[in-house]
């Protein structure tokens, strides 16, 4: 299904929307894989998810051993 593009005013608003979407899908039991463009952004997103109580795993350049295990 094609969807319309969404443009956000700033990065904070964008990440808030992403976290809302992830939390909604998580509540339904739907697995979600999210890619970011940097380690810093993955850690920022992880912080936002943790604040919302969304259980998640972070796989980035800092977690080579964990990534290999999965």
PDB file of N, CA and C in Angstrom:
ATOM      1  N   UNK A   1       0.832  -1.161   0.000  1.00  0.00           N
ATOM      2  CA  UNK A   1       0.000   0.000   0.000  1.00  0.00           C
ATOM      3  C   UNK A   1       0.891   1.243   0.000  1.00  0.00           C
ATOM      4  N   UNK A   2       0.672   2.135  -0.933  1.00  0.00           N
ATOM      5  CA  UNK A   2       1.405   3.398  -0.966  1.00  0.00           C
ATOM      6  C   UNK A   2       0.828   4.353   0.068  1.00  0.00           C
ATOM      7  N   UNK A   3       1.701   5.123   0.655  1.00  0.00           N
ATOM      8  CA  UNK A   3       1.265   6.125   1.627  1.00  0.00           C
ATOM      9  C   UNK A   3       1.816   7.479   1.216  1.00  0.00           C
ATOM     10  N   UNK A   4       1.155   8.523   1.648  1.00  0.00           N
ATOM     11  CA  UNK A   4       1.621   9.872   1.362  1.00  0.00           C
ATOM     12  C   UNK A   4       2.864  10.183   2.179  1.00  0.00           C
ATOM     13  N   UNK A   5       3.729  11.029   1.621  1.00  0.00           N
ATOM     14  CA  UNK A   5       4.892  11.492   2.359  1.00  0.00           C
ATOM     15  C   UNK A   5       4.437  12.362   3.529  1.00  0.00           C
ATOM     16  N   UNK A   6       5.218  12.334   4.596  1.00  0.00           N
ATOM     17  CA  UNK A   6       4.939  13.176   5.754  1.00  0.00           C
ATOM     18  C   UNK A   6       6.187  13.998   6.028  1.00  0.00           C
ATOM     19  N   UNK A   7       6.011  15.298   6.187  1.00  0.00           N
ATOM     20  CA  UNK A   7       7.121  16.204   6.470  1.00  0.00           C
ATOM     21  C   UNK A   7       6.890  16.793   7.860  1.00  0.00           C
ATOM     22  N   UNK A   8       7.934  16.779   8.684  1.00  0.00           N
ATOM     23  CA  UNK A   8       7.818  17.266  10.052  1.00  0.00           C
ATOM     24  C   UNK A   8       8.544  18.593  10.206  1.00  0.00           C
ATOM     25  N   UNK A   9       8.075  19.403  11.148  1.00  0.00           N
ATOM     26  CA  UNK A   9       8.632  20.731  11.390  1.00  0.00           C
ATOM     27  C   UNK A   9      10.081  20.659  11.865  1.00  0.00           C
ATOM     28  N   UNK A  10      10.375  19.659  12.698  1.00  0.00           N
ATOM     29  CA  UNK A  10      11.741  19.486  13.198  1.00  0.00           C
ATOM     30  C   UNK A  10      11.944  18.024  13.596  1.00  0.00           C
ATOM     31  N   UNK A  11      13.173  17.704  13.960  1.00  0.00           N
ATOM     32  CA  UNK A  11      13.509  16.313  14.263  1.00  0.00           C
ATOM     33  C   UNK A  11      12.804  15.798  15.518  1.00  0.00           C
ATOM     34  N   UNK A  12      12.615  16.649  16.515  1.00  0.00           N
ATOM     35  CA  UNK A  12      11.929  16.215  17.735  1.00  0.00           C
ATOM     36  C   UNK A  12      10.506  15.762  17.421  1.00  0.00           C
ATOM     37  N   UNK A  13       9.796  16.545  16.635  1.00  0.00           N
ATOM     38  CA  UNK A  13       8.422  16.201  16.263  1.00  0.00           C
ATOM     39  C   UNK A  13       8.411  14.898  15.468  1.00  0.00           C
ATOM     40  N   UNK A  14       9.401  14.729  14.597  1.00  0.00           N
ATOM     41  CA  UNK A  14       9.491  13.502  13.797  1.00  0.00           C
ATOM     42  C   UNK A  14       9.705  12.285  14.695  1.00  0.00           C
ATOM     43  N   UNK A  15      10.656  12.375  15.617  1.00  0.00           N
ATOM     44  CA  UNK A  15      10.926  11.238  16.492  1.00  0.00           C
ATOM     45  C   UNK A  15       9.742  10.951  17.418  1.00  0.00           C
ATOM     46  N   UNK A  16       9.046  11.981  17.862  1.00  0.00           N
ATOM     47  CA  UNK A  16       7.845  11.756  18.677  1.00  0.00           C
ATOM     48  C   UNK A  16       6.806  10.963  17.889  1.00  0.00           C
ATOM     49  N   UNK A  17       6.639  11.297  16.608  1.00  0.00           N
ATOM     50  CA  UNK A  17       5.681  10.574  15.760  1.00  0.00           C
ATOM     51  C   UNK A  17       6.131   9.132  15.536  1.00  0.00           C
ATOM     52  N   UNK A  18       7.422   8.936  15.357  1.00  0.00           N
ATOM     53  CA  UNK A  18       7.962   7.585  15.166  1.00  0.00           C
ATOM     54  C   UNK A  18       7.716   6.748  16.423  1.00  0.00           C
ATOM     55  N   UNK A  19       7.977   7.323  17.577  1.00  0.00           N
ATOM     56  CA  UNK A  19       7.762   6.603  18.840  1.00  0.00           C
ATOM     57  C   UNK A  19       6.282   6.281  19.028  1.00  0.00           C
ATOM     58  N   UNK A  20       5.405   7.212  18.688  1.00  0.00           N
ATOM     59  CA  UNK A  20       3.962   6.941  18.766  1.00  0.00           C
ATOM     60  C   UNK A  20       3.596   5.739  17.902  1.00  0.00           C
ATOM     61  N   UNK A  21       4.108   5.707  16.679  1.00  0.00           N
ATOM     62  CA  UNK A  21       3.803   4.614  15.751  1.00  0.00           C
ATOM     63  C   UNK A  21       4.351   3.285  16.269  1.00  0.00           C
ATOM     64  N   UNK A  22       5.587   3.302  16.746  1.00  0.00           N
ATOM     65  CA  UNK A  22       6.199   2.082  17.278  1.00  0.00           C
ATOM     66  C   UNK A  22       5.411   1.583  18.493  1.00  0.00           C
ATOM     67  N   UNK A  23       5.061   2.491  19.405  1.00  0.00           N
ATOM     68  CA  UNK A  23       4.325   2.104  20.615  1.00  0.00           C
ATOM     69  C   UNK A  23       2.969   1.497  20.261  1.00  0.00           C
ATOM     70  N   UNK A  24       2.300   2.079  19.276  1.00  0.00           N
ATOM     71  CA  UNK A  24       0.995   1.558  18.848  1.00  0.00           C
ATOM     72  C   UNK A  24       1.129   0.143  18.284  1.00  0.00           C
ATOM     73  N   UNK A  25       2.125  -0.063  17.454  1.00  0.00           N
ATOM     74  CA  UNK A  25       2.334  -1.388  16.863  1.00  0.00           C
ATOM     75  C   UNK A  25       2.777  -2.394  17.930  1.00  0.00           C
ATOM     76  N   UNK A  26       3.634  -1.949  18.841  1.00  0.00           N
ATOM     77  CA  UNK A  26       4.107  -2.816  19.925  1.00  0.00           C
ATOM     78  C   UNK A  26       2.927  -3.294  20.783  1.00  0.00           C
ATOM     79  N   UNK A  27       1.998  -2.389  21.058  1.00  0.00           N
ATOM     80  CA  UNK A  27       0.824  -2.739  21.864  1.00  0.00           C
ATOM     81  C   UNK A  27      -0.030  -3.809  21.192  1.00  0.00           C
ATOM     82  N   UNK A  28       0.027  -3.875  19.866  1.00  0.00           N
ATOM     83  CA  UNK A  28      -0.721  -4.882  19.107  1.00  0.00           C
ATOM     84  C   UNK A  28       0.065  -6.177  18.948  1.00  0.00           C
ATOM     85  N   UNK A  29       1.312  -6.197  19.447  1.00  0.00           N
ATOM     86  CA  UNK A  29       2.144  -7.383  19.316  1.00  0.00           C
ATOM     87  C   UNK A  29       2.854  -7.488  17.985  1.00  0.00           C
ATOM     88  N   UNK A  30       2.865  -6.423  17.227  1.00  0.00           N
ATOM     89  CA  UNK A  30       3.505  -6.425  15.910  1.00  0.00           C
ATOM     90  C   UNK A  30       4.987  -6.084  16.060  1.00  0.00           C
ATOM     91  N   UNK A  31       5.878  -6.941  15.578  1.00  0.00           N
ATOM     92  CA  UNK A  31       7.305  -6.617  15.645  1.00  0.00           C
ATOM     93  C   UNK A  31       7.631  -5.453  14.712  1.00  0.00           C
ATOM     94  N   UNK A  32       8.602  -4.641  15.123  1.00  0.00           N
ATOM     95  CA  UNK A  32       8.993  -3.468  14.343  1.00  0.00           C
ATOM     96  C   UNK A  32      10.515  -3.423  14.255  1.00  0.00           C
ATOM     97  N   UNK A  33      11.029  -3.242  13.052  1.00  0.00           N
ATOM     98  CA  UNK A  33      12.458  -3.032  12.838  1.00  0.00           C
ATOM     99  C   UNK A  33      12.631  -1.596  12.380  1.00  0.00           C
ATOM    100  N   UNK A  34      13.470  -0.844  13.093  1.00  0.00           N
ATOM    101  CA  UNK A  34      13.674   0.568  12.788  1.00  0.00           C
ATOM    102  C   UNK A  34      15.140   0.795  12.466  1.00  0.00           C
ATOM    103  N   UNK A  35      15.403   1.482  11.382  1.00  0.00           N
ATOM    104  CA  UNK A  35      16.767   1.860  11.022  1.00  0.00           C
ATOM    105  C   UNK A  35      16.966   3.348  11.236  1.00  0.00           C
ATOM    106  N   UNK A  36      18.151   3.711  11.707  1.00  0.00           N
ATOM    107  CA  UNK A  36      18.494   5.129  11.856  1.00  0.00           C
ATOM    108  C   UNK A  36      19.779   5.395  11.090  1.00  0.00           C
ATOM    109  N   UNK A  37      20.100   6.663  10.930  1.00  0.00           N
ATOM    110  CA  UNK A  37      21.280   7.031  10.147  1.00  0.00           C
ATOM    111  C   UNK A  37      22.545   7.166  10.978  1.00  0.00           C
ATOM    112  N   UNK A  38      22.439   7.020  12.301  1.00  0.00           N
ATOM    113  CA  UNK A  38      23.632   7.129  13.140  1.00  0.00           C
ATOM    114  C   UNK A  38      23.416   6.413  14.470  1.00  0.00           C
ATOM    115  N   UNK A  39      24.521   6.116  15.129  1.00  0.00           N
ATOM    116  CA  UNK A  39      24.471   5.513  16.465  1.00  0.00           C
ATOM    117  C   UNK A  39      23.772   6.469  17.426  1.00  0.00           C
ATOM    118  N   UNK A  40      24.088   7.752  17.315  1.00  0.00           N
ATOM    119  CA  UNK A  40      23.499   8.744  18.209  1.00  0.00           C
ATOM    120  C   UNK A  40      21.976   8.765  18.087  1.00  0.00           C
ATOM    121  N   UNK A  41      21.484   8.705  16.859  1.00  0.00           N
ATOM    122  CA  UNK A  41      20.034   8.724  16.663  1.00  0.00           C
ATOM    123  C   UNK A  41      19.393   7.436  17.170  1.00  0.00           C
ATOM    124  N   UNK A  42      20.081   6.309  17.033  1.00  0.00           N
ATOM    125  CA  UNK A  42      19.524   5.054  17.556  1.00  0.00           C
ATOM    126  C   UNK A  42      19.435   5.110  19.074  1.00  0.00           C
ATOM    127  N   UNK A  43      20.421   5.717  19.710  1.00  0.00           N
ATOM    128  CA  UNK A  43      20.401   5.831  21.166  1.00  0.00           C
ATOM    129  C   UNK A  43      19.344   6.832  21.635  1.00  0.00           C
ATOM    130  N   UNK A  44      19.158   7.912  20.881  1.00  0.00           N
ATOM    131  CA  UNK A  44      18.113   8.886  21.205  1.00  0.00           C
ATOM    132  C   UNK A  44      16.738   8.229  21.103  1.00  0.00           C
ATOM    133  N   UNK A  45      16.518   7.495  20.023  1.00  0.00           N
ATOM    134  CA  UNK A  45      15.248   6.797  19.840  1.00  0.00           C
ATOM    135  C   UNK A  45      15.041   5.776  20.957  1.00  0.00           C
ATOM    136  N   UNK A  46      16.090   5.084  21.342  1.00  0.00           N
ATOM    137  CA  UNK A  46      16.006   4.117  22.434  1.00  0.00           C
ATOM    138  C   UNK A  46      15.580   4.793  23.733  1.00  0.00           C
ATOM    139  N   UNK A  47      16.125   5.965  24.001  1.00  0.00           N
ATOM    140  CA  UNK A  47      15.754   6.720  25.199  1.00  0.00           C
ATOM    141  C   UNK A  47      14.272   7.074  25.188  1.00  0.00           C
ATOM    142  N   UNK A  48      13.785   7.531  24.038  1.00  0.00           N
ATOM    143  CA  UNK A  48      12.365   7.882  23.920  1.00  0.00           C
ATOM    144  C   UNK A  48      11.476   6.656  24.105  1.00  0.00           C
ATOM    145  N   UNK A  49      11.879   5.537  23.524  1.00  0.00           N
ATOM    146  CA  UNK A  49      11.095   4.304  23.664  1.00  0.00           C
ATOM    147  C   UNK A  49      11.071   3.835  25.117  1.00  0.00           C
ATOM    148  N   UNK A  50      12.211   3.916  25.784  1.00  0.00           N
ATOM    149  CA  UNK A  50      12.283   3.506  27.190  1.00  0.00           C
ATOM    150  C   UNK A  50      11.368   4.373  28.054  1.00  0.00           C
ATOM    151  N   UNK A  51      11.338   5.675  27.779  1.00  0.00           N
ATOM    152  CA  UNK A  51      10.457   6.571  28.535  1.00  0.00           C
ATOM    153  C   UNK A  51       8.991   6.203  28.351  1.00  0.00           C
ATOM    154  N   UNK A  52       8.659   5.645  27.203  1.00  0.00           N
ATOM    155  CA  UNK A  52       7.278   5.224  26.919  1.00  0.00           C
ATOM    156  C   UNK A  52       6.999   3.802  27.408  1.00  0.00           C
ATOM    157  N   UNK A  53       8.031   3.134  27.921  1.00  0.00           N
ATOM    158  CA  UNK A  53       7.852   1.779  28.418  1.00  0.00           C
ATOM    159  C   UNK A  53       7.792   0.726  27.329  1.00  0.00           C
ATOM    160  N   UNK A  54       8.334   1.041  26.163  1.00  0.00           N
ATOM    161  CA  UNK A  54       8.336   0.095  25.044  1.00  0.00           C
ATOM    162  C   UNK A  54       9.598  -0.760  25.128  1.00  0.00           C
ATOM    163  N   UNK A  55       9.420  -2.048  25.320  1.00  0.00           N
ATOM    164  CA  UNK A  55      10.544  -2.989  25.380  1.00  0.00           C
ATOM    165  C   UNK A  55      11.164  -3.085  23.993  1.00  0.00           C
ATOM    166  N   UNK A  56      12.502  -2.992  23.922  1.00  0.00           N
ATOM    167  CA  UNK A  56      13.170  -2.995  22.622  1.00  0.00           C
ATOM    168  C   UNK A  56      14.635  -3.391  22.762  1.00  0.00           C
ATOM    169  N   UNK A  57      15.249  -3.682  21.643  1.00  0.00           N
ATOM    170  CA  UNK A  57      16.681  -3.991  21.557  1.00  0.00           C
ATOM    171  C   UNK A  57      17.328  -2.960  20.649  1.00  0.00           C
ATOM    172  N   UNK A  58      18.526  -2.521  20.991  1.00  0.00           N
ATOM    173  CA  UNK A  58      19.281  -1.614  20.127  1.00  0.00           C
ATOM    174  C   UNK A  58      20.466  -2.377  19.564  1.00  0.00           C
ATOM    175  N   UNK A  59      20.542  -2.413  18.256  1.00  0.00           N
ATOM    176  CA  UNK A  59      21.687  -3.015  17.577  1.00  0.00           C
ATOM    177  C   UNK A  59      22.359  -1.915  16.782  1.00  0.00           C
ATOM    178  N   UNK A  60      23.550  -1.535  17.206  1.00  0.00           N
ATOM    179  CA  UNK A  60      24.297  -0.514  16.481  1.00  0.00           C
ATOM    180  C   UNK A  60      25.783  -0.827  16.563  1.00  0.00           C
ATOM    181  N   UNK A  61      26.597   0.057  16.071  1.00  0.00           N
ATOM    182  CA  UNK A  61      28.037  -0.190  16.012  1.00  0.00           C
ATOM    183  C   UNK A  61      28.657  -0.401  17.393  1.00  0.00           C
ATOM    184  N   UNK A  62      27.988   0.000  18.438  1.00  0.00           N
ATOM    185  CA  UNK A  62      28.507  -0.191  19.791  1.00  0.00           C
ATOM    186  C   UNK A  62      28.194  -1.578  20.342  1.00  0.00           C
ATOM    187  N   UNK A  63      27.315  -2.328  19.680  1.00  0.00           N
ATOM    188  CA  UNK A  63      26.845  -3.613  20.201  1.00  0.00           C
ATOM    189  C   UNK A  63      27.164  -4.763  19.252  1.00  0.00           C
ATOM    190  N   UNK A  64      28.393  -4.864  18.783  1.00  0.00           N
ATOM    191  CA  UNK A  64      28.750  -5.904  17.809  1.00  0.00           C
ATOM    192  C   UNK A  64      28.465  -7.316  18.326  1.00  0.00           C
ATOM    193  N   UNK A  65      28.840  -7.591  19.559  1.00  0.00           N
ATOM    194  CA  UNK A  65      28.663  -8.943  20.096  1.00  0.00           C
ATOM    195  C   UNK A  65      27.179  -9.296  20.199  1.00  0.00           C
ATOM    196  N   UNK A  66      26.373  -8.377  20.685  1.00  0.00           N
ATOM    197  CA  UNK A  66      24.929  -8.625  20.812  1.00  0.00           C
ATOM    198  C   UNK A  66      24.299  -8.801  19.436  1.00  0.00           C
ATOM    199  N   UNK A  67      24.722  -7.977  18.487  1.00  0.00           N
ATOM    200  CA  UNK A  67      24.208  -8.070  17.123  1.00  0.00           C
ATOM    201  C   UNK A  67      24.537  -9.429  16.517  1.00  0.00           C
ATOM    202  N   UNK A  68      25.750  -9.906  16.732  1.00  0.00           N
ATOM    203  CA  UNK A  68      26.162 -11.202  16.193  1.00  0.00           C
ATOM    204  C   UNK A  68      25.363 -12.341  16.828  1.00  0.00           C
ATOM    205  N   UNK A  69      25.047 -12.200  18.116  1.00  0.00           N
ATOM    206  CA  UNK A  69      24.290 -13.243  18.810  1.00  0.00           C
ATOM    207  C   UNK A  69      22.862 -13.356  18.280  1.00  0.00           C
ATOM    208  N   UNK A  70      22.301 -12.240  17.897  1.00  0.00           N
ATOM    209  CA  UNK A  70      20.924 -12.244  17.386  1.00  0.00           C
ATOM    210  C   UNK A  70      20.928 -12.705  15.954  1.00  0.00           C
TER     211      UNK A  70
END
